[in-house]
Amino acid sequence: MPTYKYKREDGTTFEIKQSINDDALEKCPDTGQKVKRVISGGGGVVYKGDGWYVTDYKDSDRKQKRAEAAKKANGESNGSTNGSSSKTATETSSTNNS
């Protein structure tokens, strides 16, 4: 049930839980003063869980494209950073035996 805020004739306010189908109160249940329902900003949005990310609603193949790009970048950078050639183990062993 939602909580509604009411303002009494004297300016004080109170909150009360009511069904959406109930009519607005005309008198305060405690003091008997006339009341008016106050419009409030509401409760807002509550996020639960791990959170929201930039990629949540974008292309479904975006992750795959990024993974492929990362593999290419890692493959190219590994060969150039250590200064060695890109020979495989069998090529290296065969050149050492010759």
PDB file of N, CA and C in Angstrom:
ATOM      1  N   MET A   1       0.834  -1.181   0.000  1.00  0.00           N
ATOM      2  CA  MET A   1       0.000   0.000   0.000  1.00  0.00           C
ATOM      3  C   MET A   1       0.884   1.252   0.000  1.00  0.00           C
ATOM      4  N   PRO A   2       0.498   2.238  -0.773  1.00  0.00           N
ATOM      5  CA  PRO A   2       1.279   3.476  -0.808  1.00  0.00           C
ATOM      6  C   PRO A   2       1.064   4.319   0.453  1.00  0.00           C
ATOM      7  N   THR A   3       2.048   5.149   0.727  1.00  0.00           N
ATOM      8  CA  THR A   3       1.968   6.082   1.847  1.00  0.00           C
ATOM      9  C   THR A   3       1.635   7.458   1.290  1.00  0.00           C
ATOM     10  N   TYR A   4       0.598   8.073   1.832  1.00  0.00           N
ATOM     11  CA  TYR A   4       0.169   9.401   1.397  1.00  0.00           C
ATOM     12  C   TYR A   4       0.466  10.414   2.476  1.00  0.00           C
ATOM     13  N   LYS A   5       0.808  11.623   2.048  1.00  0.00           N
ATOM     14  CA  LYS A   5       1.108  12.709   2.971  1.00  0.00           C
ATOM     15  C   LYS A   5      -0.058  13.691   2.955  1.00  0.00           C
ATOM     16  N   TYR A   6      -0.501  14.097   4.143  1.00  0.00           N
ATOM     17  CA  TYR A   6      -1.599  15.034   4.289  1.00  0.00           C
ATOM     18  C   TYR A   6      -1.138  16.241   5.088  1.00  0.00           C
ATOM     19  N   LYS A   7      -1.769  17.411   4.794  1.00  0.00           N
ATOM     20  CA  LYS A   7      -1.465  18.638   5.506  1.00  0.00           C
ATOM     21  C   LYS A   7      -2.721  19.097   6.247  1.00  0.00           C
ATOM     22  N   ARG A   8      -2.579  19.326   7.561  1.00  0.00           N
ATOM     23  CA  ARG A   8      -3.699  19.785   8.388  1.00  0.00           C
ATOM     24  C   ARG A   8      -3.924  21.290   8.198  1.00  0.00           C
ATOM     25  N   GLU A   9      -5.057  21.797   8.717  1.00  0.00           N
ATOM     26  CA  GLU A   9      -5.371  23.221   8.647  1.00  0.00           C
ATOM     27  C   GLU A   9      -4.303  24.073   9.312  1.00  0.00           C
ATOM     28  N   ASP A  10      -3.687  23.560  10.380  1.00  0.00           N
ATOM     29  CA  ASP A  10      -2.687  24.340  11.116  1.00  0.00           C
ATOM     30  C   ASP A  10      -1.303  24.296  10.456  1.00  0.00           C
ATOM     31  N   GLY A  11      -1.161  23.591   9.337  1.00  0.00           N
ATOM     32  CA  GLY A  11       0.098  23.555   8.595  1.00  0.00           C
ATOM     33  C   GLY A  11       0.964  22.346   8.876  1.00  0.00           C
ATOM     34  N   THR A  12       0.657  21.575   9.901  1.00  0.00           N
ATOM     35  CA  THR A  12       1.442  20.370  10.199  1.00  0.00           C
ATOM     36  C   THR A  12       1.057  19.264   9.211  1.00  0.00           C
ATOM     37  N   THR A  13       1.969  18.325   9.036  1.00  0.00           N
ATOM     38  CA  THR A  13       1.725  17.229   8.089  1.00  0.00           C
ATOM     39  C   THR A  13       1.821  15.885   8.796  1.00  0.00           C
ATOM     40  N   PHE A  14       1.229  14.887   8.185  1.00  0.00           N
ATOM     41  CA  PHE A  14       1.343  13.503   8.652  1.00  0.00           C
ATOM     42  C   PHE A  14       1.234  12.574   7.457  1.00  0.00           C
ATOM     43  N   GLU A  15       1.713  11.368   7.636  1.00  0.00           N
ATOM     44  CA  GLU A  15       1.652  10.349   6.582  1.00  0.00           C
ATOM     45  C   GLU A  15       0.793   9.200   7.050  1.00  0.00           C
ATOM     46  N   ILE A  16       0.105   8.594   6.094  1.00  0.00           N
ATOM     47  CA  ILE A  16      -0.742   7.445   6.403  1.00  0.00           C
ATOM     48  C   ILE A  16      -0.747   6.491   5.213  1.00  0.00           C
ATOM     49  N   LYS A  17      -0.753   5.198   5.495  1.00  0.00           N
ATOM     50  CA  LYS A  17      -0.828   4.190   4.436  1.00  0.00           C
ATOM     51  C   LYS A  17      -2.289   3.947   4.093  1.00  0.00           C
ATOM     52  N   GLN A  18      -2.564   4.011   2.790  1.00  0.00           N
ATOM     53  CA  GLN A  18      -3.920   3.789   2.295  1.00  0.00           C
ATOM     54  C   GLN A  18      -3.863   2.982   1.014  1.00  0.00           C
ATOM     55  N   SER A  19      -4.934   2.303   0.732  1.00  0.00           N
ATOM     56  CA  SER A  19      -5.067   1.611  -0.540  1.00  0.00           C
ATOM     57  C   SER A  19      -5.246   2.654  -1.640  1.00  0.00           C
ATOM     58  N   ILE A  20      -4.800   2.307  -2.825  1.00  0.00           N
ATOM     59  CA  ILE A  20      -4.964   3.211  -3.960  1.00  0.00           C
ATOM     60  C   ILE A  20      -6.451   3.469  -4.229  1.00  0.00           C
ATOM     61  N   ASN A  21      -7.283   2.506  -3.958  1.00  0.00           N
ATOM     62  CA  ASN A  21      -8.716   2.623  -4.223  1.00  0.00           C
ATOM     63  C   ASN A  21      -9.451   3.454  -3.173  1.00  0.00           C
ATOM     64  N   ASP A  22      -8.832   3.714  -2.000  1.00  0.00           N
ATOM     65  CA  ASP A  22      -9.489   4.499  -0.954  1.00  0.00           C
ATOM     66  C   ASP A  22      -9.594   5.961  -1.359  1.00  0.00           C
ATOM     67  N   ASP A  23     -10.665   6.611  -0.913  1.00  0.00           N
ATOM     68  CA  ASP A  23     -10.815   8.044  -1.134  1.00  0.00           C
ATOM     69  C   ASP A  23      -9.835   8.799  -0.243  1.00  0.00           C
ATOM     70  N   ALA A  24      -9.477  10.007  -0.660  1.00  0.00           N
ATOM     71  CA  ALA A  24      -8.591  10.847   0.143  1.00  0.00           C
ATOM     72  C   ALA A  24      -9.291  11.208   1.452  1.00  0.00           C
ATOM     73  N   LEU A  25      -8.489  11.323   2.513  1.00  0.00           N
ATOM     74  CA  LEU A  25      -9.054  11.708   3.805  1.00  0.00           C
ATOM     75  C   LEU A  25      -9.543  13.147   3.755  1.00  0.00           C
ATOM     76  N   GLU A  26     -10.617  13.431   4.501  1.00  0.00           N
ATOM     77  CA  GLU A  26     -11.116  14.800   4.619  1.00  0.00           C
ATOM     78  C   GLU A  26     -10.791  15.381   5.980  1.00  0.00           C
ATOM     79  N   LYS A  27     -10.648  14.510   6.988  1.00  0.00           N
ATOM     80  CA  LYS A  27     -10.326  14.935   8.353  1.00  0.00           C
ATOM     81  C   LYS A  27      -9.176  14.098   8.883  1.00  0.00           C
ATOM     82  N   CYS A  28      -8.366  14.723   9.743  1.00  0.00           N
ATOM     83  CA  CYS A  28      -7.246  14.025  10.374  1.00  0.00           C
ATOM     84  C   CYS A  28      -7.801  12.993  11.363  1.00  0.00           C
ATOM     85  N   PRO A  29      -7.309  11.758  11.317  1.00  0.00           N
ATOM     86  CA  PRO A  29      -7.812  10.742  12.238  1.00  0.00           C
ATOM     87  C   PRO A  29      -7.447  11.033  13.697  1.00  0.00           C
ATOM     88  N   ASP A  30      -6.391  11.824  13.935  1.00  0.00           N
ATOM     89  CA  ASP A  30      -5.964  12.124  15.305  1.00  0.00           C
ATOM     90  C   ASP A  30      -6.628  13.375  15.871  1.00  0.00           C
ATOM     91  N   THR A  31      -6.640  14.472  15.095  1.00  0.00           N
ATOM     92  CA  THR A  31      -7.111  15.757  15.616  1.00  0.00           C
ATOM     93  C   THR A  31      -8.493  16.155  15.116  1.00  0.00           C
ATOM     94  N   GLY A  32      -8.952  15.583  14.023  1.00  0.00           N
ATOM     95  CA  GLY A  32     -10.253  15.929  13.474  1.00  0.00           C
ATOM     96  C   GLY A  32     -10.225  17.166  12.593  1.00  0.00           C
ATOM     97  N   GLN A  33      -9.044  17.767  12.374  1.00  0.00           N
ATOM     98  CA  GLN A  33      -8.927  18.943  11.514  1.00  0.00           C
ATOM     99  C   GLN A  33      -9.123  18.552  10.056  1.00  0.00           C
ATOM    100  N   LYS A  34      -9.530  19.529   9.254  1.00  0.00           N
ATOM    101  CA  LYS A  34      -9.631  19.287   7.817  1.00  0.00           C
ATOM    102  C   LYS A  34      -8.231  19.119   7.249  1.00  0.00           C
ATOM    103  N   VAL A  35      -8.109  18.229   6.260  1.00  0.00           N
ATOM    104  CA  VAL A  35      -6.797  17.960   5.662  1.00  0.00           C
ATOM    105  C   VAL A  35      -6.888  17.975   4.144  1.00  0.00           C
ATOM    106  N   LYS A  36      -5.737  18.193   3.517  1.00  0.00           N
ATOM    107  CA  LYS A  36      -5.605  18.084   2.066  1.00  0.00           C
ATOM    108  C   LYS A  36      -4.428  17.170   1.775  1.00  0.00           C
ATOM    109  N   ARG A  37      -4.576  16.359   0.728  1.00  0.00           N
ATOM    110  CA  ARG A  37      -3.489  15.469   0.327  1.00  0.00           C
ATOM    111  C   ARG A  37      -2.401  16.281  -0.368  1.00  0.00           C
ATOM    112  N   VAL A  38      -1.147  16.036   0.020  1.00  0.00           N
ATOM    113  CA  VAL A  38      -0.003  16.736  -0.548  1.00  0.00           C
ATOM    114  C   VAL A  38       0.629  15.841  -1.609  1.00  0.00           C
ATOM    115  N   ILE A  39       0.889  16.408  -2.769  1.00  0.00           N
ATOM    116  CA  ILE A  39       1.552  15.660  -3.834  1.00  0.00           C
ATOM    117  C   ILE A  39       3.037  15.594  -3.503  1.00  0.00           C
ATOM    118  N   SER A  40       3.593  14.397  -3.487  1.00  0.00           N
ATOM    119  CA  SER A  40       5.016  14.248  -3.172  1.00  0.00           C
ATOM    120  C   SER A  40       5.761  13.727  -4.393  1.00  0.00           C
ATOM    121  N   GLY A  41       7.091  13.737  -4.301  1.00  0.00           N
ATOM    122  CA  GLY A  41       7.943  13.321  -5.409  1.00  0.00           C
ATOM    123  C   GLY A  41       7.984  11.824  -5.618  1.00  0.00           C
ATOM    124  N   GLY A  42       7.498  11.050  -4.689  1.00  0.00           N
ATOM    125  CA  GLY A  42       7.527   9.609  -4.839  1.00  0.00           C
ATOM    126  C   GLY A  42       8.800   9.008  -4.279  1.00  0.00           C
ATOM    127  N   GLY A  43       8.878   7.697  -4.348  1.00  0.00           N
ATOM    128  CA  GLY A  43      10.013   6.990  -3.763  1.00  0.00           C
ATOM    129  C   GLY A  43      11.213   6.888  -4.663  1.00  0.00           C
ATOM    130  N   GLY A  44      11.052   7.159  -5.940  1.00  0.00           N
ATOM    131  CA  GLY A  44      12.177   7.050  -6.854  1.00  0.00           C
ATOM    132  C   GLY A  44      12.430   5.612  -7.263  1.00  0.00           C
ATOM    133  N   VAL A  45      13.547   5.406  -7.918  1.00  0.00           N
ATOM    134  CA  VAL A  45      13.909   4.087  -8.427  1.00  0.00           C
ATOM    135  C   VAL A  45      14.934   3.472  -7.503  1.00  0.00           C
ATOM    136  N   VAL A  46      14.753   2.214  -7.177  1.00  0.00           N
ATOM    137  CA  VAL A  46      15.708   1.503  -6.339  1.00  0.00           C
ATOM    138  C   VAL A  46      16.371   0.433  -7.190  1.00  0.00           C
ATOM    139  N   TYR A  47      17.714   0.515  -7.317  1.00  0.00           N
ATOM    140  CA  TYR A  47      18.470  -0.477  -8.072  1.00  0.00           C
ATOM    141  C   TYR A  47      19.033  -1.506  -7.116  1.00  0.00           C
ATOM    142  N   LYS A  48      18.818  -2.759  -7.437  1.00  0.00           N
ATOM    143  CA  LYS A  48      19.367  -3.829  -6.616  1.00  0.00           C
ATOM    144  C   LYS A  48      20.215  -4.715  -7.508  1.00  0.00           C
ATOM    145  N   GLY A  49      21.230  -5.328  -6.943  1.00  0.00           N
ATOM    146  CA  GLY A  49      22.077  -6.231  -7.716  1.00  0.00           C
ATOM    147  C   GLY A  49      23.434  -5.627  -7.996  1.00  0.00           C
ATOM    148  N   ASP A  50      24.090  -6.118  -9.017  1.00  0.00           N
ATOM    149  CA  ASP A  50      25.454  -5.709  -9.335  1.00  0.00           C
ATOM    150  C   ASP A  50      25.521  -4.325  -9.958  1.00  0.00           C
ATOM    151  N   GLY A  51      24.457  -3.850 -10.548  1.00  0.00           N
ATOM    152  CA  GLY A  51      24.470  -2.514 -11.124  1.00  0.00           C
ATOM    153  C   GLY A  51      24.204  -2.524 -12.614  1.00  0.00           C
ATOM    154  N   TRP A  52      24.347  -1.380 -13.204  1.00  0.00           N
ATOM    155  CA  TRP A  52      24.102  -1.187 -14.628  1.00  0.00           C
ATOM    156  C   TRP A  52      25.403  -0.804 -15.296  1.00  0.00           C
ATOM    157  N   TYR A  53      25.570  -1.257 -16.487  1.00  0.00           N
ATOM    158  CA  TYR A  53      26.794  -1.003 -17.214  1.00  0.00           C
ATOM    159  C   TYR A  53      26.476  -0.392 -18.573  1.00  0.00           C
ATOM    160  N   VAL A  54      27.431   0.257 -19.160  1.00  0.00           N
ATOM    161  CA  VAL A  54      27.262   0.913 -20.445  1.00  0.00           C
ATOM    162  C   VAL A  54      26.849  -0.092 -21.516  1.00  0.00           C
ATOM    163  N   THR A  55      27.345  -1.304 -21.423  1.00  0.00           N
ATOM    164  CA  THR A  55      27.108  -2.306 -22.466  1.00  0.00           C
ATOM    165  C   THR A  55      25.841  -3.129 -22.247  1.00  0.00           C
ATOM    166  N   ASP A  56      25.040  -2.843 -21.229  1.00  0.00           N
ATOM    167  CA  ASP A  56      23.883  -3.680 -20.923  1.00  0.00           C
ATOM    168  C   ASP A  56      22.873  -3.788 -22.063  1.00  0.00           C
ATOM    169  N   TYR A  57      22.626  -2.726 -22.797  1.00  0.00           N
ATOM    170  CA  TYR A  57      21.583  -2.765 -23.811  1.00  0.00           C
ATOM    171  C   TYR A  57      22.105  -2.497 -25.211  1.00  0.00           C
ATOM    172  N   LYS A  58      23.361  -2.701 -25.420  1.00  0.00           N
ATOM    173  CA  LYS A  58      23.910  -2.480 -26.756  1.00  0.00           C
ATOM    174  C   LYS A  58      23.932  -3.789 -27.529  1.00  0.00           C
ATOM    175  N   ASP A  59      24.592  -3.775 -28.682  1.00  0.00           N
ATOM    176  CA  ASP A  59      24.636  -4.943 -29.552  1.00  0.00           C
ATOM    177  C   ASP A  59      25.097  -6.176 -28.800  1.00  0.00           C
ATOM    178  N   SER A  60      24.447  -7.309 -29.086  1.00  0.00           N
ATOM    179  CA  SER A  60      24.804  -8.541 -28.393  1.00  0.00           C
ATOM    180  C   SER A  60      26.165  -9.069 -28.844  1.00  0.00           C
ATOM    181  N   ASP A  61      26.592  -8.749 -30.056  1.00  0.00           N
ATOM    182  CA  ASP A  61      27.882  -9.242 -30.539  1.00  0.00           C
ATOM    183  C   ASP A  61      29.033  -8.301 -30.188  1.00  0.00           C
ATOM    184  N   ARG A  62      28.765  -7.265 -29.448  1.00  0.00           N
ATOM    185  CA  ARG A  62      29.802  -6.305 -29.075  1.00  0.00           C
ATOM    186  C   ARG A  62      30.896  -6.952 -28.228  1.00  0.00           C
ATOM    187  N   LYS A  63      30.498  -7.811 -27.278  1.00  0.00           N
ATOM    188  CA  LYS A  63      31.486  -8.485 -26.430  1.00  0.00           C
ATOM    189  C   LYS A  63      32.411  -9.355 -27.274  1.00  0.00           C
ATOM    190  N   GLN A  64      31.835 -10.047 -28.238  1.00  0.00           N
ATOM    191  CA  GLN A  64      32.633 -10.913 -29.104  1.00  0.00           C
ATOM    192  C   GLN A  64      33.620 -10.078 -29.925  1.00  0.00           C
ATOM    193  N   LYS A  65      33.177  -8.956 -30.458  1.00  0.00           N
ATOM    194  CA  LYS A  65      34.058  -8.093 -31.241  1.00  0.00           C
ATOM    195  C   LYS A  65      35.197  -7.555 -30.380  1.00  0.00           C
ATOM    196  N   ARG A  66      34.893  -7.171 -29.153  1.00  0.00           N
ATOM    197  CA  ARG A  66      35.930  -6.667 -28.258  1.00  0.00           C
ATOM    198  C   ARG A  66      36.930  -7.765 -27.900  1.00  0.00           C
ATOM    199  N   ALA A  67      36.444  -8.976 -27.686  1.00  0.00           N
ATOM    200  CA  ALA A  67      37.331 -10.087 -27.353  1.00  0.00           C
ATOM    201  C   ALA A  67      38.281 -10.376 -28.513  1.00  0.00           C
ATOM    202  N   GLU A  68      37.758 -10.354 -29.741  1.00  0.00           N
ATOM    203  CA  GLU A  68      38.601 -10.590 -30.916  1.00  0.00           C
ATOM    204  C   GLU A  68      39.644  -9.484 -31.070  1.00  0.00           C
ATOM    205  N   ALA A  69      39.232  -8.250 -30.836  1.00  0.00           N
ATOM    206  CA  ALA A  69      40.165  -7.125 -30.932  1.00  0.00           C
ATOM    207  C   ALA A  69      41.252  -7.239 -29.867  1.00  0.00           C
ATOM    208  N   ALA A  70      40.875  -7.677 -28.672  1.00  0.00           N
ATOM    209  CA  ALA A  70      41.854  -7.832 -27.593  1.00  0.00           C
ATOM    210  C   ALA A  70      42.844  -8.941 -27.922  1.00  0.00           C
ATOM    211  N   LYS A  71      42.349 -10.034 -28.508  1.00  0.00           N
ATOM    212  CA  LYS A  71      43.251 -11.125 -28.893  1.00  0.00           C
ATOM    213  C   LYS A  71      44.260 -10.657 -29.934  1.00  0.00           C
ATOM    214  N   LYS A  72      43.782  -9.896 -30.913  1.00  0.00           N
ATOM    215  CA  LYS A  72      44.680  -9.383 -31.944  1.00  0.00           C
ATOM    216  C   LYS A  72      45.716  -8.444 -31.339  1.00  0.00           C
ATOM    217  N   ALA A  73      45.266  -7.578 -30.463  1.00  0.00           N
ATOM    218  CA  ALA A  73      46.177  -6.616 -29.836  1.00  0.00           C
ATOM    219  C   ALA A  73      47.202  -7.336 -28.974  1.00  0.00           C
ATOM    220  N   ASN A  74      46.788  -8.333 -28.229  1.00  0.00           N
ATOM    221  CA  ASN A  74      47.715  -9.087 -27.380  1.00  0.00           C
ATOM    222  C   ASN A  74      48.688  -9.897 -28.218  1.00  0.00           C
ATOM    223  N   GLY A  75      48.234 -10.464 -29.298  1.00  0.00           N
ATOM    224  CA  GLY A  75      49.099 -11.257 -30.174  1.00  0.00           C
ATOM    225  C   GLY A  75      50.153 -10.405 -30.835  1.00  0.00           C
ATOM    226  N   GLU A  76      49.798  -9.224 -31.300  1.00  0.00           N
ATOM    227  CA  GLU A  76      50.751  -8.328 -31.950  1.00  0.00           C
ATOM    228  C   GLU A  76      51.716  -7.733 -30.951  1.00  0.00           C
ATOM    229  N   SER A  77      51.221  -7.356 -29.779  1.00  0.00           N
ATOM    230  CA  SER A  77      52.086  -6.700 -28.799  1.00  0.00           C
ATOM    231  C   SER A  77      53.041  -7.699 -28.149  1.00  0.00           C
ATOM    232  N   ASN A  78      52.656  -8.953 -28.002  1.00  0.00           N
ATOM    233  CA  ASN A  78      53.547  -9.948 -27.402  1.00  0.00           C
ATOM    234  C   ASN A  78      54.775 -10.190 -28.273  1.00  0.00           C
ATOM    235  N   GLY A  79      54.606 -10.235 -29.576  1.00  0.00           N
ATOM    236  CA  GLY A  79      55.726 -10.498 -30.477  1.00  0.00           C
ATOM    237  C   GLY A  79      56.674  -9.321 -30.566  1.00  0.00           C
ATOM    238  N   SER A  80      56.161  -8.102 -30.441  1.00  0.00           N
ATOM    239  CA  SER A  80      57.011  -6.934 -30.628  1.00  0.00           C
ATOM    240  C   SER A  80      57.628  -6.451 -29.323  1.00  0.00           C
ATOM    241  N   THR A  81      57.066  -6.799 -28.169  1.00  0.00           N
ATOM    242  CA  THR A  81      57.588  -6.253 -26.921  1.00  0.00           C
ATOM    243  C   THR A  81      58.813  -6.991 -26.422  1.00  0.00           C
ATOM    244  N   ASN A  82      58.903  -8.309 -26.665  1.00  0.00           N
ATOM    245  CA  ASN A  82      60.056  -9.022 -26.132  1.00  0.00           C
ATOM    246  C   ASN A  82      61.220  -9.084 -27.128  1.00  0.00           C
ATOM    247  N   GLY A  83      61.052  -8.564 -28.303  1.00  0.00           N
ATOM    248  CA  GLY A  83      62.138  -8.456 -29.262  1.00  0.00           C
ATOM    249  C   GLY A  83      62.491  -9.757 -29.961  1.00  0.00           C
ATOM    250  N   SER A  84      61.847 -10.843 -29.667  1.00  0.00           N
ATOM    251  CA  SER A  84      62.163 -12.110 -30.326  1.00  0.00           C
ATOM    252  C   SER A  84      61.285 -12.288 -31.546  1.00  0.00           C
ATOM    253  N   SER A  85      61.672 -13.171 -32.428  1.00  0.00           N
ATOM    254  CA  SER A  85      60.870 -13.418 -33.615  1.00  0.00           C
ATOM    255  C   SER A  85      59.708 -14.316 -33.256  1.00  0.00           C
ATOM    256  N   SER A  86      58.813 -14.476 -34.195  1.00  0.00           N
ATOM    257  CA  SER A  86      57.613 -15.259 -33.924  1.00  0.00           C
ATOM    258  C   SER A  86      57.777 -16.698 -34.387  1.00  0.00           C
ATOM    259  N   LYS A  87      58.945 -17.293 -34.217  1.00  0.00           N
ATOM    260  CA  LYS A  87      59.147 -18.691 -34.593  1.00  0.00           C
ATOM    261  C   LYS A  87      58.513 -19.586 -33.549  1.00  0.00           C
ATOM    262  N   THR A  88      58.008 -20.717 -33.993  1.00  0.00           N
ATOM    263  CA  THR A  88      57.431 -21.671 -33.066  1.00  0.00           C
ATOM    264  C   THR A  88      58.543 -22.493 -32.428  1.00  0.00           C
ATOM    265  N   ALA A  89      58.198 -23.298 -31.436  1.00  0.00           N
ATOM    266  CA  ALA A  89      59.193 -24.111 -30.741  1.00  0.00           C
ATOM    267  C   ALA A  89      59.858 -25.099 -31.679  1.00  0.00           C
ATOM    268  N   THR A  90      59.107 -25.679 -32.611  1.00  0.00           N
ATOM    269  CA  THR A  90      59.715 -26.659 -33.518  1.00  0.00           C
ATOM    270  C   THR A  90      60.649 -25.969 -34.498  1.00  0.00           C
ATOM    271  N   GLU A  91      60.320 -24.754 -34.928  1.00  0.00           N
ATOM    272  CA  GLU A  91      61.213 -24.027 -35.831  1.00  0.00           C
ATOM    273  C   GLU A  91      62.511 -23.665 -35.108  1.00  0.00           C
ATOM    274  N   THR A  92      62.396 -23.298 -33.858  1.00  0.00           N
ATOM    275  CA  THR A  92      63.568 -22.905 -33.096  1.00  0.00           C
ATOM    276  C   THR A  92      64.483 -24.106 -32.859  1.00  0.00           C
ATOM    277  N   SER A  93      63.889 -25.258 -32.521  1.00  0.00           N
ATOM    278  CA  SER A  93      64.708 -26.438 -32.255  1.00  0.00           C
ATOM    279  C   SER A  93      65.377 -26.950 -33.536  1.00  0.00           C
ATOM    280  N   SER A  94      64.683 -26.827 -34.680  1.00  0.00           N
ATOM    281  CA  SER A  94      65.285 -27.301 -35.919  1.00  0.00           C
ATOM    282  C   SER A  94      66.429 -26.393 -36.360  1.00  0.00           C
ATOM    283  N   THR A  95      66.378 -25.100 -36.091  1.00  0.00           N
ATOM    284  CA  THR A  95      67.468 -24.212 -36.472  1.00  0.00           C
ATOM    285  C   THR A  95      68.664 -24.375 -35.554  1.00  0.00           C
ATOM    286  N   ASN A  96      68.414 -24.765 -34.283  1.00  0.00           N
ATOM    287  CA  ASN A  96      69.506 -25.005 -33.353  1.00  0.00           C
ATOM    288  C   ASN A  96      70.243 -26.288 -33.694  1.00  0.00           C
ATOM    289  N   ASN A  97      69.523 -27.292 -34.248  1.00  0.00           N
ATOM    290  CA  ASN A  97      70.122 -28.595 -34.593  1.00  0.00           C
ATOM    291  C   ASN A  97      70.935 -28.518 -35.878  1.00  0.00           C
ATOM    292  N   SER A  98      70.715 -27.537 -36.730  1.00  0.00           N
ATOM    293  CA  SER A  98      71.387 -27.484 -38.014  1.00  0.00           C
ATOM    294  C   SER A  98      72.776 -26.947 -37.920  1.00  0.00           C
TER     295      SER A  98
END
